Amino acid sequence: QVQLVESGGGLSQPGGSLRLSCATSGFTFTFSVRAMGWYRQPPGKPRELVARISSDSSTNYAESAKGRFTISRDNAKNTVYLQMNNLKPEDTAVYHCWSQGPGDGYWGQGTQVTVSS
């Protein structure tokens, strides 16, 4: 059974940093060939893309994340990361890890990120 488990969320002041991790397990095919990503769902809003990383480690980011967030992957650990710097209150959301898979892929349960002074 595929599992994606996020960690690293929490409370940050504006301008602060957080690093999210997504540990994965249970893939039939190796983690390294899968595109991975981070999405977020702000309060009262739909889920939106934050960043994605392909199997060759090419990346793409939402405009709101460019220059502040960095997505990376460690294929040896079957883990994907999201380094978030210069956080803003509008970054407050539940952050979900995503993996390429059947249908709309696999999703983690999410980790709460709150940016507030």
Protein backbone atom coordinates (compact mmCIF):
# COMPACT_ATOMS: atom_id res chain seq x y z
CA GLN A 1 0.00 0.00 0.00
CA VAL A 2 1.36 3.38 -1.06
CA GLN A 3 1.89 5.85 1.76
CA LEU A 4 2.97 9.47 1.66
CA VAL A 5 3.65 10.98 5.06
CA GLU A 6 4.33 14.69 5.40
CA SER A 7 6.16 16.34 8.27
CA GLY A 8 7.78 19.64 9.12
CA GLY A 9 4.79 21.93 9.19
CA GLY A 10 4.05 24.29 12.02
CA LEU A 11 3.93 27.93 12.99
CA SER A 12 6.30 30.48 11.53
CA GLN A 13 6.58 34.22 11.76
CA PRO A 14 6.53 36.19 8.52
CA GLY A 15 9.98 36.05 6.96
CA GLY A 16 10.74 32.72 8.59
CA SER A 17 11.55 29.35 7.08
CA LEU A 18 10.19 25.84 7.26
CA ARG A 19 11.26 22.62 5.60
CA LEU A 20 8.61 20.09 4.72
CA SER A 21 9.42 16.43 4.15
CA CYS A 22 7.38 13.71 2.47
CA ALA A 23 8.46 10.17 3.17
CA THR A 24 7.04 7.60 0.78
CA SER A 25 6.67 3.83 0.84
CA GLY A 26 4.86 1.01 -0.89
CA PHE A 27 5.48 1.91 -4.51
CA THR A 28 5.38 -1.02 -6.92
CA PHE A 29 7.73 0.85 -9.24
CA THR A 30 10.72 2.69 -7.92
CA PHE A 31 10.33 6.14 -6.40
CA SER A 32 12.99 7.63 -8.64
CA VAL A 33 10.91 7.36 -11.84
CA ARG A 34 7.93 9.20 -10.37
CA ALA A 35 7.14 12.85 -10.59
CA MET A 36 6.51 14.28 -7.14
CA GLY A 37 5.03 17.51 -5.95
CA TRP A 38 3.65 19.74 -3.24
CA TYR A 39 0.19 21.25 -3.31
CA ARG A 40 -1.52 23.42 -0.72
CA GLN A 41 -5.04 24.27 0.30
CA PRO A 42 -5.49 27.64 1.98
CA PRO A 43 -8.49 28.06 4.28
CA GLY A 44 -11.70 28.28 2.27
CA LYS A 45 -9.90 27.91 -1.05
CA PRO A 46 -9.27 25.07 -3.49
CA ARG A 47 -6.09 23.05 -3.58
CA GLU A 48 -3.33 24.60 -5.70
CA LEU A 49 0.04 23.57 -7.05
CA VAL A 50 3.09 24.82 -5.19
CA ALA A 51 5.92 22.94 -6.89
CA ARG A 52 6.63 19.77 -8.83
CA ILE A 53 9.79 17.82 -9.54
CA SER A 54 10.14 15.27 -12.30
CA SER A 55 12.14 12.05 -12.37
CA ASP A 56 15.07 13.92 -13.95
CA SER A 57 14.82 16.56 -11.18
CA SER A 58 13.54 19.30 -13.43
CA THR A 59 11.23 21.56 -11.47
CA ASN A 60 8.35 23.93 -11.90
CA TYR A 61 6.83 26.33 -9.39
CA ALA A 62 3.73 28.37 -8.88
CA GLU A 63 4.40 32.07 -9.37
CA SER A 64 3.80 32.62 -5.66
CA ALA A 65 6.57 30.15 -4.81
CA LYS A 66 9.25 31.22 -7.26
CA GLY A 67 12.36 32.60 -5.60
CA ARG A 68 11.23 31.58 -2.12
CA PHE A 69 10.54 27.83 -2.21
CA THR A 70 12.75 25.00 -3.39
CA ILE A 71 11.59 21.47 -4.09
CA SER A 72 14.10 18.63 -4.04
CA ARG A 73 14.18 14.87 -3.84
CA ASP A 74 16.39 12.20 -2.33
CA ASN A 75 15.84 8.99 -4.29
CA ALA A 76 17.94 6.98 -1.85
CA LYS A 77 15.52 7.92 0.94
CA ASN A 78 12.33 7.90 -1.18
CA THR A 79 11.68 11.39 0.13
CA VAL A 80 10.78 14.75 -1.35
CA TYR A 81 11.34 18.07 0.37
CA LEU A 82 10.03 21.60 0.19
CA GLN A 83 12.26 24.31 1.59
CA MET A 84 10.20 27.41 2.23
CA ASN A 85 11.92 30.72 2.92
CA ASN A 86 10.65 34.25 3.46
CA LEU A 87 7.26 32.91 4.46
CA LYS A 88 4.24 35.16 4.16
CA PRO A 89 0.85 35.03 5.88
CA GLU A 90 -0.70 34.05 2.54
CA ASP A 91 1.38 30.86 2.62
CA THR A 92 -0.86 29.62 5.43
CA ALA A 93 -2.40 26.37 4.22
CA VAL A 94 -2.46 22.62 4.55
CA TYR A 95 0.41 21.34 2.42
CA HIS A 96 -0.05 18.00 0.68
CA CYS A 97 2.54 15.78 -0.90
CA TRP A 98 1.64 14.29 -4.27
CA SER A 99 3.10 11.44 -6.29
CA GLN A 100 2.53 10.46 -9.88
CA GLY A 101 0.28 7.42 -10.06
CA PRO A 102 -3.00 6.06 -11.43
CA GLY A 103 -5.81 8.59 -11.84
CA ASP A 104 -4.85 11.82 -10.12
CA GLY A 105 -1.97 10.15 -8.32
CA TYR A 106 -1.29 9.51 -4.68
CA TRP A 107 -1.77 12.04 -1.91
CA GLY A 108 -0.59 12.49 1.63
CA GLN A 109 -2.83 13.59 4.47
CA GLY A 110 -1.21 16.99 4.67
CA THR A 111 0.67 19.11 7.17
CA GLN A 112 -0.50 22.48 8.46
CA VAL A 113 1.66 25.54 7.85
CA THR A 114 0.63 28.71 9.63
CA VAL A 115 2.45 32.00 9.07
CA SER A 116 1.53 34.62 11.61
CA SER A 117 3.12 37.16 13.90
